[in-house]
Amino acid sequence: DVATDKIVRKLRFPDIPAGAMSGPDGNLYVSFASGYLGVYNPQTGATIRKPIWTGGVGTFWFSFSKDGRK
C-alpha cells in the first residue's frame, strides 16, 4: 500500500524480477533477469499471458504505446 508503506500481498514468480509496471489494461507487467516479460493479475499473481522472450540486458526498460496495444 503506497499510502501506508505496508506490504498487503506477496507475489511469487518463477524468476528474479527486474522491473514491474502497471499496464494500461490494469495488469501487472513484470520483466525478469532471464530476459522474459510476463503479464500477471496484480491481486492474485495469476499468470494472464505466458511470458515472452525479450532477450538481451536491461529487461526492466519497457513501456507501452500510446494506444496501449504494444
N, C-alpha and C. Protein backbone atom coordinates (compact mmCIF):
# COMPACT_ATOMS: atom_id res chain seq x y z
N ASP A 1 0.85 -1.17 0.00
CA ASP A 1 0.00 0.00 0.00
C ASP A 1 0.90 1.23 0.00
N VAL A 2 0.84 2.01 -1.06
CA VAL A 2 1.74 3.17 -1.17
C VAL A 2 1.40 4.27 -0.18
N ALA A 3 0.16 4.31 0.28
CA ALA A 3 -0.22 5.34 1.25
C ALA A 3 0.35 5.05 2.64
N THR A 4 0.41 3.76 3.00
CA THR A 4 0.87 3.39 4.35
C THR A 4 2.26 2.75 4.36
N ASP A 5 2.80 2.45 3.17
CA ASP A 5 4.10 1.81 3.03
C ASP A 5 4.13 0.43 3.68
N LYS A 6 3.00 -0.25 3.66
CA LYS A 6 2.90 -1.59 4.24
C LYS A 6 2.67 -2.62 3.14
N ILE A 7 3.23 -3.80 3.34
CA ILE A 7 3.04 -4.90 2.40
C ILE A 7 1.64 -5.46 2.60
N VAL A 8 0.87 -5.52 1.52
CA VAL A 8 -0.50 -6.04 1.60
C VAL A 8 -0.62 -7.42 0.94
N ARG A 9 0.36 -7.79 0.11
CA ARG A 9 0.34 -9.12 -0.51
C ARG A 9 1.73 -9.39 -1.07
N LYS A 10 2.07 -10.66 -1.11
CA LYS A 10 3.34 -11.09 -1.70
C LYS A 10 3.03 -11.95 -2.91
N LEU A 11 3.71 -11.68 -3.99
CA LEU A 11 3.53 -12.46 -5.21
C LEU A 11 4.81 -13.25 -5.46
N ARG A 12 4.65 -14.48 -5.88
CA ARG A 12 5.80 -15.34 -6.18
C ARG A 12 5.91 -15.51 -7.69
N PHE A 13 7.14 -15.43 -8.18
CA PHE A 13 7.39 -15.55 -9.60
C PHE A 13 8.43 -16.64 -9.85
N PRO A 14 8.46 -17.20 -11.08
CA PRO A 14 9.39 -18.29 -11.38
C PRO A 14 10.82 -17.82 -11.65
N ASP A 15 11.06 -16.53 -11.59
CA ASP A 15 12.36 -15.98 -11.94
C ASP A 15 12.61 -14.74 -11.08
N ILE A 16 13.76 -14.13 -11.24
CA ILE A 16 14.11 -12.92 -10.49
C ILE A 16 13.53 -11.70 -11.19
N PRO A 17 12.57 -10.99 -10.56
CA PRO A 17 12.00 -9.79 -11.18
C PRO A 17 13.07 -8.70 -11.33
N ALA A 18 13.07 -8.04 -12.47
CA ALA A 18 14.00 -6.94 -12.73
C ALA A 18 13.26 -5.60 -12.77
N GLY A 19 11.97 -5.63 -13.10
CA GLY A 19 11.17 -4.42 -13.16
C GLY A 19 9.70 -4.79 -13.22
N ALA A 20 8.85 -3.86 -12.82
CA ALA A 20 7.41 -4.11 -12.85
C ALA A 20 6.68 -2.80 -13.09
N MET A 21 5.57 -2.91 -13.81
CA MET A 21 4.79 -1.72 -14.12
C MET A 21 3.33 -2.12 -14.33
N SER A 22 2.44 -1.25 -13.92
CA SER A 22 1.02 -1.44 -14.19
C SER A 22 0.75 -1.06 -15.64
N GLY A 23 0.10 -1.96 -16.37
CA GLY A 23 -0.20 -1.70 -17.78
C GLY A 23 -1.49 -0.94 -17.97
N PRO A 24 -1.75 -0.46 -19.18
CA PRO A 24 -2.98 0.29 -19.46
C PRO A 24 -4.24 -0.57 -19.30
N ASP A 25 -4.05 -1.89 -19.28
CA ASP A 25 -5.18 -2.81 -19.09
C ASP A 25 -5.39 -3.17 -17.62
N GLY A 26 -4.59 -2.60 -16.72
CA GLY A 26 -4.72 -2.85 -15.29
C GLY A 26 -3.94 -4.07 -14.82
N ASN A 27 -3.28 -4.79 -15.72
CA ASN A 27 -2.49 -5.95 -15.34
C ASN A 27 -1.09 -5.52 -14.93
N LEU A 28 -0.40 -6.42 -14.23
CA LEU A 28 0.96 -6.17 -13.78
C LEU A 28 1.93 -6.80 -14.78
N TYR A 29 2.80 -5.99 -15.35
CA TYR A 29 3.80 -6.46 -16.30
C TYR A 29 5.13 -6.54 -15.55
N VAL A 30 5.73 -7.73 -15.56
CA VAL A 30 6.97 -7.95 -14.82
C VAL A 30 8.04 -8.45 -15.78
N SER A 31 9.18 -7.77 -15.78
CA SER A 31 10.31 -8.24 -16.57
C SER A 31 11.25 -9.00 -15.63
N PHE A 32 11.92 -10.00 -16.18
CA PHE A 32 12.78 -10.85 -15.37
C PHE A 32 14.22 -10.79 -15.84
N ALA A 33 15.12 -11.12 -14.93
CA ALA A 33 16.55 -11.09 -15.21
C ALA A 33 16.92 -12.02 -16.36
N SER A 34 16.14 -13.05 -16.60
CA SER A 34 16.41 -14.01 -17.67
C SER A 34 16.06 -13.47 -19.06
N GLY A 35 15.39 -12.31 -19.14
CA GLY A 35 15.02 -11.72 -20.42
C GLY A 35 13.57 -11.92 -20.80
N TYR A 36 12.78 -12.49 -19.90
CA TYR A 36 11.36 -12.70 -20.18
C TYR A 36 10.52 -11.56 -19.61
N LEU A 37 9.34 -11.37 -20.19
CA LEU A 37 8.37 -10.39 -19.73
C LEU A 37 7.04 -11.12 -19.56
N GLY A 38 6.49 -11.06 -18.36
CA GLY A 38 5.24 -11.75 -18.08
C GLY A 38 4.13 -10.78 -17.70
N VAL A 39 2.88 -11.24 -17.84
CA VAL A 39 1.71 -10.44 -17.50
C VAL A 39 0.94 -11.18 -16.42
N TYR A 40 0.64 -10.48 -15.31
CA TYR A 40 0.04 -11.11 -14.14
C TYR A 40 -1.13 -10.30 -13.59
N ASN A 41 -2.01 -11.00 -12.92
CA ASN A 41 -3.11 -10.36 -12.21
C ASN A 41 -2.49 -9.71 -10.96
N PRO A 42 -2.64 -8.39 -10.78
CA PRO A 42 -1.99 -7.73 -9.65
C PRO A 42 -2.58 -8.12 -8.29
N GLN A 43 -3.78 -8.64 -8.26
CA GLN A 43 -4.40 -9.03 -7.00
C GLN A 43 -4.01 -10.43 -6.55
N THR A 44 -3.92 -11.35 -7.51
CA THR A 44 -3.69 -12.76 -7.17
C THR A 44 -2.32 -13.27 -7.57
N GLY A 45 -1.67 -12.60 -8.52
CA GLY A 45 -0.40 -13.07 -9.04
C GLY A 45 -0.54 -14.12 -10.12
N ALA A 46 -1.79 -14.46 -10.48
CA ALA A 46 -2.03 -15.47 -11.50
C ALA A 46 -1.50 -14.99 -12.86
N THR A 47 -0.94 -15.91 -13.63
CA THR A 47 -0.42 -15.59 -14.95
C THR A 47 -1.57 -15.30 -15.91
N ILE A 48 -1.54 -14.14 -16.56
CA ILE A 48 -2.55 -13.76 -17.54
C ILE A 48 -2.14 -14.27 -18.92
N ARG A 49 -0.88 -14.04 -19.26
CA ARG A 49 -0.32 -14.48 -20.53
C ARG A 49 1.03 -15.14 -20.29
N LYS A 50 1.33 -16.16 -21.08
CA LYS A 50 2.61 -16.83 -20.98
C LYS A 50 3.73 -15.82 -21.22
N PRO A 51 4.79 -15.83 -20.38
CA PRO A 51 5.89 -14.88 -20.57
C PRO A 51 6.51 -15.00 -21.97
N ILE A 52 6.91 -13.85 -22.49
CA ILE A 52 7.55 -13.81 -23.81
C ILE A 52 9.03 -13.46 -23.63
N TRP A 53 9.84 -13.93 -24.54
CA TRP A 53 11.28 -13.67 -24.52
C TRP A 53 11.54 -12.30 -25.15
N THR A 54 12.18 -11.42 -24.39
CA THR A 54 12.54 -10.11 -24.92
C THR A 54 14.01 -10.06 -25.28
N GLY A 55 14.79 -10.91 -24.64
CA GLY A 55 16.21 -11.03 -24.92
C GLY A 55 17.04 -9.88 -24.41
N GLY A 56 18.32 -10.07 -24.43
CA GLY A 56 19.25 -9.00 -24.08
C GLY A 56 19.27 -8.64 -22.61
N VAL A 57 19.90 -7.51 -22.34
CA VAL A 57 20.00 -6.98 -20.98
C VAL A 57 19.10 -5.77 -20.86
N GLY A 58 18.90 -5.31 -19.65
CA GLY A 58 18.05 -4.14 -19.43
C GLY A 58 16.57 -4.46 -19.64
N THR A 59 16.16 -5.65 -19.22
CA THR A 59 14.76 -6.04 -19.41
C THR A 59 13.80 -5.19 -18.59
N PHE A 60 14.33 -4.38 -17.69
CA PHE A 60 13.48 -3.51 -16.87
C PHE A 60 13.08 -2.25 -17.63
N TRP A 61 13.63 -2.02 -18.82
CA TRP A 61 13.25 -0.87 -19.63
C TRP A 61 12.18 -1.27 -20.62
N PHE A 62 10.95 -0.99 -20.30
CA PHE A 62 9.87 -1.25 -21.23
C PHE A 62 8.78 -0.20 -21.02
N SER A 63 7.97 0.00 -22.04
CA SER A 63 6.90 0.98 -21.98
C SER A 63 5.76 0.50 -22.87
N PHE A 64 4.70 1.27 -22.91
CA PHE A 64 3.53 0.92 -23.71
C PHE A 64 3.29 1.99 -24.76
N SER A 65 2.80 1.56 -25.92
CA SER A 65 2.48 2.54 -26.96
C SER A 65 1.30 3.38 -26.50
N LYS A 66 1.10 4.49 -27.12
CA LYS A 66 0.05 5.42 -26.73
C LYS A 66 -1.33 4.77 -26.77
N ASP A 67 -1.56 3.89 -27.75
CA ASP A 67 -2.87 3.23 -27.83
C ASP A 67 -2.96 2.00 -26.91
N GLY A 68 -1.86 1.66 -26.20
CA GLY A 68 -1.87 0.56 -25.26
C GLY A 68 -1.83 -0.83 -25.88
N ARG A 69 -1.61 -0.91 -27.18
CA ARG A 69 -1.61 -2.20 -27.85
C ARG A 69 -0.24 -2.88 -27.87
N LYS A 70 0.82 -2.12 -27.68
CA LYS A 70 2.18 -2.68 -27.66
C LYS A 70 2.97 -2.12 -26.51
